């Protein structure tokens, strides 16, 4: 596996900022030799300290099977450069096909949990540990997790904030509208104090 070379660590107190604007994400999972990657449109931060997130993953998916077995998952935040890949991995099941091999996806091993993470075409990633909710595991599709490690491409996320502009357009996050249609986050606009 390639080393985690181009991303800079994100302080965990800033991890919620990686998804608080509602981007489409890629969820990675691994249990032993079995691994998977899928796209998810519904994710959000739910706590700052410790950093916790919620993500909707259908309880009948292969990804959910792997997450339940391992208690962990990764969240990768794709940029514009990964729109086609995001749509592709969200359109096929990993039960029959290793999507990493099928689509030629290069992954790195996460530093804390060893999860497969994407840097190429992505702006950031998080490694997450599932928070066991026994009363919801069979009833709901929402998973809650604590973020244990996070990193981002410093060209797009610096000093705890997204900095999206014309110099890093391929890293702008994407937002799924349905039927393979996406919009991208635009350039950052700084608010001015009101008198």
C-alpha atoms as a PDB file:
ATOM      1  CA  UNK A   1       0.000   0.000   0.000  1.00  0.00           C
ATOM      2  CA  UNK A   2       1.193   3.579  -0.646  1.00  0.00           C
ATOM      3  CA  UNK A   3       2.178   5.694   2.340  1.00  0.00           C
ATOM      4  CA  UNK A   4      -0.033   8.481   3.626  1.00  0.00           C
ATOM      5  CA  UNK A   5       2.144  11.087   1.995  1.00  0.00           C
ATOM      6  CA  UNK A   6       0.188  14.041   0.679  1.00  0.00           C
ATOM      7  CA  UNK A   7      -2.366  14.637   3.424  1.00  0.00           C
ATOM      8  CA  UNK A   8      -1.753  16.600   6.621  1.00  0.00           C
ATOM      9  CA  UNK A   9      -3.268  15.510   9.934  1.00  0.00           C
ATOM     10  CA  UNK A  10      -6.424  17.352  10.984  1.00  0.00           C
ATOM     11  CA  UNK A  11      -6.793  18.097  14.694  1.00  0.00           C
ATOM     12  CA  UNK A  12      -9.707  16.036  15.967  1.00  0.00           C
ATOM     13  CA  UNK A  13     -11.443  19.162  17.280  1.00  0.00           C
ATOM     14  CA  UNK A  14     -11.727  20.250  13.624  1.00  0.00           C
ATOM     15  CA  UNK A  15     -12.795  16.868  12.196  1.00  0.00           C
ATOM     16  CA  UNK A  16     -16.491  17.821  12.176  1.00  0.00           C
ATOM     17  CA  UNK A  17     -15.705  20.611   9.711  1.00  0.00           C
ATOM     18  CA  UNK A  18     -14.713  18.056   7.096  1.00  0.00           C
ATOM     19  CA  UNK A  19     -18.374  17.044   6.578  1.00  0.00           C
ATOM     20  CA  UNK A  20     -20.477  19.781   8.182  1.00  0.00           C
ATOM     21  CA  UNK A  21     -21.326  21.223   4.753  1.00  0.00           C
ATOM     22  CA  UNK A  22     -22.977  17.980   3.601  1.00  0.00           C
ATOM     23  CA  UNK A  23     -20.677  16.515   0.938  1.00  0.00           C
ATOM     24  CA  UNK A  24     -21.186  13.132  -0.635  1.00  0.00           C
ATOM     25  CA  UNK A  25     -18.695  10.758   0.985  1.00  0.00           C
ATOM     26  CA  UNK A  26     -17.125   7.409   0.270  1.00  0.00           C
ATOM     27  CA  UNK A  27     -17.394   4.858   3.071  1.00  0.00           C
ATOM     28  CA  UNK A  28     -14.639   2.269   3.261  1.00  0.00           C
ATOM     29  CA  UNK A  29     -14.736  -0.862   5.353  1.00  0.00           C
ATOM     30  CA  UNK A  30     -12.603  -3.899   6.064  1.00  0.00           C
ATOM     31  CA  UNK A  31     -12.982  -7.102   8.026  1.00  0.00           C
ATOM     32  CA  UNK A  32      -9.950  -9.312   7.608  1.00  0.00           C
ATOM     33  CA  UNK A  33      -9.366  -9.796   3.877  1.00  0.00           C
ATOM     34  CA  UNK A  34     -12.847  -8.576   2.939  1.00  0.00           C
ATOM     35  CA  UNK A  35     -13.106  -4.897   2.018  1.00  0.00           C
ATOM     36  CA  UNK A  36     -15.549  -2.541   0.379  1.00  0.00           C
ATOM     37  CA  UNK A  37     -16.180   1.022  -0.675  1.00  0.00           C
ATOM     38  CA  UNK A  38     -19.529   2.707  -1.248  1.00  0.00           C
ATOM     39  CA  UNK A  39     -20.897   6.198  -1.763  1.00  0.00           C
ATOM     40  CA  UNK A  40     -23.146   7.835   0.826  1.00  0.00           C
ATOM     41  CA  UNK A  41     -25.017  11.111   0.541  1.00  0.00           C
ATOM     42  CA  UNK A  42     -26.194  11.430   4.155  1.00  0.00           C
ATOM     43  CA  UNK A  43     -23.521  12.119   6.748  1.00  0.00           C
ATOM     44  CA  UNK A  44     -23.058  14.772   9.398  1.00  0.00           C
ATOM     45  CA  UNK A  45     -21.164  15.671  12.547  1.00  0.00           C
ATOM     46  CA  UNK A  46     -23.086  15.160  15.794  1.00  0.00           C
ATOM     47  CA  UNK A  47     -20.530  15.985  18.536  1.00  0.00           C
ATOM     48  CA  UNK A  48     -17.397  18.115  18.730  1.00  0.00           C
ATOM     49  CA  UNK A  49     -15.463  16.563  21.635  1.00  0.00           C
ATOM     50  CA  UNK A  50     -14.927  13.741  21.199  1.00  0.00           C
ATOM     51  CA  UNK A  51     -15.672  14.116  17.492  1.00  0.00           C
ATOM     52  CA  UNK A  52     -18.639  11.972  16.513  1.00  0.00           C
ATOM     53  CA  UNK A  53     -20.449  11.560  13.216  1.00  0.00           C
ATOM     54  CA  UNK A  54     -23.636   9.988  11.926  1.00  0.00           C
ATOM     55  CA  UNK A  55     -23.903   8.345   8.533  1.00  0.00           C
ATOM     56  CA  UNK A  56     -26.742   6.494   6.855  1.00  0.00           C
ATOM     57  CA  UNK A  57     -25.726   3.056   5.568  1.00  0.00           C
ATOM     58  CA  UNK A  58     -28.491   0.629   4.665  1.00  0.00           C
ATOM     59  CA  UNK A  59     -28.430  -2.230   7.176  1.00  0.00           C
ATOM     60  CA  UNK A  60     -28.710  -4.799   4.343  1.00  0.00           C
ATOM     61  CA  UNK A  61     -25.529  -3.735   2.504  1.00  0.00           C
ATOM     62  CA  UNK A  62     -22.183  -5.507   2.365  1.00  0.00           C
ATOM     63  CA  UNK A  63     -20.578  -2.380   3.818  1.00  0.00           C
ATOM     64  CA  UNK A  64     -22.832  -2.564   6.860  1.00  0.00           C
ATOM     65  CA  UNK A  65     -21.947  -6.260   7.305  1.00  0.00           C
ATOM     66  CA  UNK A  66     -18.244  -5.372   7.343  1.00  0.00           C
ATOM     67  CA  UNK A  67     -18.767  -2.435   9.705  1.00  0.00           C
ATOM     68  CA  UNK A  68     -20.785  -4.543  12.122  1.00  0.00           C
ATOM     69  CA  UNK A  69     -18.113  -7.260  12.041  1.00  0.00           C
ATOM     70  CA  UNK A  70     -15.097  -4.945  12.480  1.00  0.00           C
ATOM     71  CA  UNK A  71     -16.615  -2.060  14.428  1.00  0.00           C
ATOM     72  CA  UNK A  72     -14.819   0.437  12.170  1.00  0.00           C
ATOM     73  CA  UNK A  73     -15.146   2.350   8.905  1.00  0.00           C
ATOM     74  CA  UNK A  74     -13.468   5.105   6.950  1.00  0.00           C
ATOM     75  CA  UNK A  75     -14.997   8.216   5.463  1.00  0.00           C
ATOM     76  CA  UNK A  76     -13.262   9.667   2.402  1.00  0.00           C
ATOM     77  CA  UNK A  77     -14.406  13.002   1.010  1.00  0.00           C
ATOM     78  CA  UNK A  78     -14.149  12.940  -2.780  1.00  0.00           C
ATOM     79  CA  UNK A  79     -13.451  16.010  -4.840  1.00  0.00           C
ATOM     80  CA  UNK A  80     -14.617  16.909  -8.336  1.00  0.00           C
ATOM     81  CA  UNK A  81     -11.837  14.718  -9.744  1.00  0.00           C
ATOM     82  CA  UNK A  82     -13.572  11.639  -8.286  1.00  0.00           C
ATOM     83  CA  UNK A  83     -17.161  12.197  -9.474  1.00  0.00           C
ATOM     84  CA  UNK A  84     -17.117   9.241 -11.895  1.00  0.00           C
ATOM     85  CA  UNK A  85     -15.538   6.936  -9.306  1.00  0.00           C
ATOM     86  CA  UNK A  86     -18.030   8.064  -6.649  1.00  0.00           C
ATOM     87  CA  UNK A  87     -20.962   7.289  -8.902  1.00  0.00           C
ATOM     88  CA  UNK A  88     -19.448   3.943  -9.965  1.00  0.00           C
ATOM     89  CA  UNK A  89     -18.818   2.605  -6.450  1.00  0.00           C
ATOM     90  CA  UNK A  90     -22.286   3.746  -5.413  1.00  0.00           C
ATOM     91  CA  UNK A  91     -23.913   1.837  -8.275  1.00  0.00           C
ATOM     92  CA  UNK A  92     -22.638  -1.727  -7.761  1.00  0.00           C
ATOM     93  CA  UNK A  93     -22.571  -4.131  -4.824  1.00  0.00           C
ATOM     94  CA  UNK A  94     -19.329  -5.219  -3.219  1.00  0.00           C
ATOM     95  CA  UNK A  95     -20.729  -8.627  -2.241  1.00  0.00           C
ATOM     96  CA  UNK A  96     -19.789 -10.087  -5.624  1.00  0.00           C
ATOM     97  CA  UNK A  97     -17.020  -7.724  -6.715  1.00  0.00           C
ATOM     98  CA  UNK A  98     -13.977  -6.279  -4.969  1.00  0.00           C
ATOM     99  CA  UNK A  99     -14.579  -2.707  -6.072  1.00  0.00           C
ATOM    100  CA  UNK A 100     -11.021  -1.671  -5.223  1.00  0.00           C
ATOM    101  CA  UNK A 101      -9.644  -4.223  -7.697  1.00  0.00           C
ATOM    102  CA  UNK A 102     -12.431  -3.821 -10.272  1.00  0.00           C
ATOM    103  CA  UNK A 103     -12.096  -0.026 -10.513  1.00  0.00           C
ATOM    104  CA  UNK A 104      -8.313   0.080  -9.907  1.00  0.00           C
ATOM    105  CA  UNK A 105      -8.679   2.112  -6.705  1.00  0.00           C
ATOM    106  CA  UNK A 106      -5.411   2.862  -4.943  1.00  0.00           C
ATOM    107  CA  UNK A 107      -5.877   2.903  -1.190  1.00  0.00           C
ATOM    108  CA  UNK A 108      -3.591   3.585   1.726  1.00  0.00           C
ATOM    109  CA  UNK A 109      -3.854   1.962   5.141  1.00  0.00           C
ATOM    110  CA  UNK A 110      -5.140   4.327   7.800  1.00  0.00           C
ATOM    111  CA  UNK A 111      -2.732   5.138  10.641  1.00  0.00           C
ATOM    112  CA  UNK A 112      -5.009   4.186  13.567  1.00  0.00           C
ATOM    113  CA  UNK A 113      -7.362   1.459  12.344  1.00  0.00           C
ATOM    114  CA  UNK A 114      -5.679   0.223   9.151  1.00  0.00           C
ATOM    115  CA  UNK A 115      -8.758   0.989   7.055  1.00  0.00           C
ATOM    116  CA  UNK A 116      -8.439   1.439   3.280  1.00  0.00           C
ATOM    117  CA  UNK A 117      -8.465   5.194   2.625  1.00  0.00           C
ATOM    118  CA  UNK A 118      -8.330   7.194  -0.597  1.00  0.00           C
ATOM    119  CA  UNK A 119      -6.154  10.208  -1.189  1.00  0.00           C
ATOM    120  CA  UNK A 120      -6.150  10.325  -4.991  1.00  0.00           C
ATOM    121  CA  UNK A 121      -9.199  12.340  -6.058  1.00  0.00           C
ATOM    122  CA  UNK A 122     -10.198  12.986  -2.453  1.00  0.00           C
ATOM    123  CA  UNK A 123      -9.865  16.067  -0.279  1.00  0.00           C
ATOM    124  CA  UNK A 124      -9.881  14.448   3.161  1.00  0.00           C
ATOM    125  CA  UNK A 125     -10.518  11.259   5.134  1.00  0.00           C
ATOM    126  CA  UNK A 126     -11.481  10.130   8.619  1.00  0.00           C
ATOM    127  CA  UNK A 127     -11.064   6.809  10.416  1.00  0.00           C
ATOM    128  CA  UNK A 128     -14.060   6.030  12.615  1.00  0.00           C
ATOM    129  CA  UNK A 129     -14.889   3.574  15.382  1.00  0.00           C
ATOM    130  CA  UNK A 130     -18.533   2.473  15.455  1.00  0.00           C
ATOM    131  CA  UNK A 131     -20.474   3.390  18.592  1.00  0.00           C
ATOM    132  CA  UNK A 132     -22.480   0.307  19.470  1.00  0.00           C
ATOM    133  CA  UNK A 133     -26.193   1.032  19.659  1.00  0.00           C
ATOM    134  CA  UNK A 134     -27.693  -2.454  20.228  1.00  0.00           C
ATOM    135  CA  UNK A 135     -31.270  -1.161  20.232  1.00  0.00           C
ATOM    136  CA  UNK A 136     -30.831   0.401  16.776  1.00  0.00           C
ATOM    137  CA  UNK A 137     -28.566  -2.044  14.909  1.00  0.00           C
ATOM    138  CA  UNK A 138     -31.426  -4.049  13.430  1.00  0.00           C
ATOM    139  CA  UNK A 139     -33.963  -1.240  13.248  1.00  0.00           C
ATOM    140  CA  UNK A 140     -32.179   1.772  11.714  1.00  0.00           C
ATOM    141  CA  UNK A 141     -29.803   2.533   8.872  1.00  0.00           C
ATOM    142  CA  UNK A 142     -28.010   5.326  10.767  1.00  0.00           C
ATOM    143  CA  UNK A 143     -24.593   4.528  12.217  1.00  0.00           C
ATOM    144  CA  UNK A 144     -22.907   6.644  14.886  1.00  0.00           C
ATOM    145  CA  UNK A 145     -19.143   6.677  15.222  1.00  0.00           C
ATOM    146  CA  UNK A 146     -16.261   8.416  16.913  1.00  0.00           C
ATOM    147  CA  UNK A 147     -13.579   9.890  14.661  1.00  0.00           C
ATOM    148  CA  UNK A 148     -10.176   8.602  15.811  1.00  0.00           C
ATOM    149  CA  UNK A 149      -7.982  10.034  13.032  1.00  0.00           C
ATOM    150  CA  UNK A 150      -8.447  12.608  10.284  1.00  0.00           C
ATOM    151  CA  UNK A 151      -6.346  14.149   7.537  1.00  0.00           C
ATOM    152  CA  UNK A 152      -6.858  16.445   4.570  1.00  0.00           C
ATOM    153  CA  UNK A 153      -5.117  17.733   1.500  1.00  0.00           C
ATOM    154  CA  UNK A 154      -3.547  21.009   2.704  1.00  0.00           C
ATOM    155  CA  UNK A 155      -4.310  22.625  -0.648  1.00  0.00           C
ATOM    156  CA  UNK A 156      -8.020  22.562   0.289  1.00  0.00           C
ATOM    157  CA  UNK A 157      -8.210  22.293   4.106  1.00  0.00           C
ATOM    158  CA  UNK A 158      -5.794  24.340   6.215  1.00  0.00           C
ATOM    159  CA  UNK A 159      -5.734  25.620   9.768  1.00  0.00           C
ATOM    160  CA  UNK A 160      -8.958  23.797  10.583  1.00  0.00           C
ATOM    161  CA  UNK A 161     -10.958  25.262   7.670  1.00  0.00           C
ATOM    162  CA  UNK A 162     -11.860  24.548   4.051  1.00  0.00           C
ATOM    163  CA  UNK A 163     -10.186  26.960   1.644  1.00  0.00           C
ATOM    164  CA  UNK A 164     -11.764  26.292  -1.739  1.00  0.00           C
ATOM    165  CA  UNK A 165     -10.784  28.605  -4.592  1.00  0.00           C
ATOM    166  CA  UNK A 166      -9.828  28.574  -8.266  1.00  0.00           C
ATOM    167  CA  UNK A 167      -6.426  26.989  -7.507  1.00  0.00           C
ATOM    168  CA  UNK A 168      -7.854  23.733  -6.132  1.00  0.00           C
ATOM    169  CA  UNK A 169     -10.994  23.086  -8.211  1.00  0.00           C
ATOM    170  CA  UNK A 170     -10.408  19.309  -8.479  1.00  0.00           C
ATOM    171  CA  UNK A 171     -10.549  19.103  -4.668  1.00  0.00           C
ATOM    172  CA  UNK A 172     -13.856  20.943  -4.256  1.00  0.00           C
ATOM    173  CA  UNK A 173     -16.295  18.624  -2.520  1.00  0.00           C
ATOM    174  CA  UNK A 174     -19.242  17.163  -4.390  1.00  0.00           C
ATOM    175  CA  UNK A 175     -22.919  16.924  -3.455  1.00  0.00           C
ATOM    176  CA  UNK A 176     -25.225  14.315  -4.994  1.00  0.00           C
ATOM    177  CA  UNK A 177     -28.525  15.498  -6.474  1.00  0.00           C
ATOM    178  CA  UNK A 178     -29.715  12.047  -7.624  1.00  0.00           C
ATOM    179  CA  UNK A 179     -29.553  10.051 -10.862  1.00  0.00           C
ATOM    180  CA  UNK A 180     -25.794  10.591 -11.236  1.00  0.00           C
ATOM    181  CA  UNK A 181     -26.035  14.381 -11.017  1.00  0.00           C
ATOM    182  CA  UNK A 182     -23.730  16.287  -8.676  1.00  0.00           C
ATOM    183  CA  UNK A 183     -22.913  19.883  -7.831  1.00  0.00           C
ATOM    184  CA  UNK A 184     -19.604  20.997  -6.438  1.00  0.00           C
ATOM    185  CA  UNK A 185     -18.852  23.306  -3.557  1.00  0.00           C
ATOM    186  CA  UNK A 186     -17.877  26.690  -4.933  1.00  0.00           C
ATOM    187  CA  UNK A 187     -15.208  29.116  -3.941  1.00  0.00           C
ATOM    188  CA  UNK A 188     -15.149  30.154  -0.300  1.00  0.00           C
ATOM    189  CA  UNK A 189     -16.726  33.507   0.504  1.00  0.00           C
ATOM    190  CA  UNK A 190     -15.712  35.319   3.683  1.00  0.00           C
ATOM    191  CA  UNK A 191     -18.522  36.999   5.620  1.00  0.00           C
ATOM    192  CA  UNK A 192     -18.026  40.583   6.735  1.00  0.00           C
ATOM    193  CA  UNK A 193     -19.037  41.792  10.181  1.00  0.00           C
ATOM    194  CA  UNK A 194     -22.244  43.814  10.195  1.00  0.00           C
ATOM    195  CA  UNK A 195     -22.131  47.273  11.781  1.00  0.00           C
END
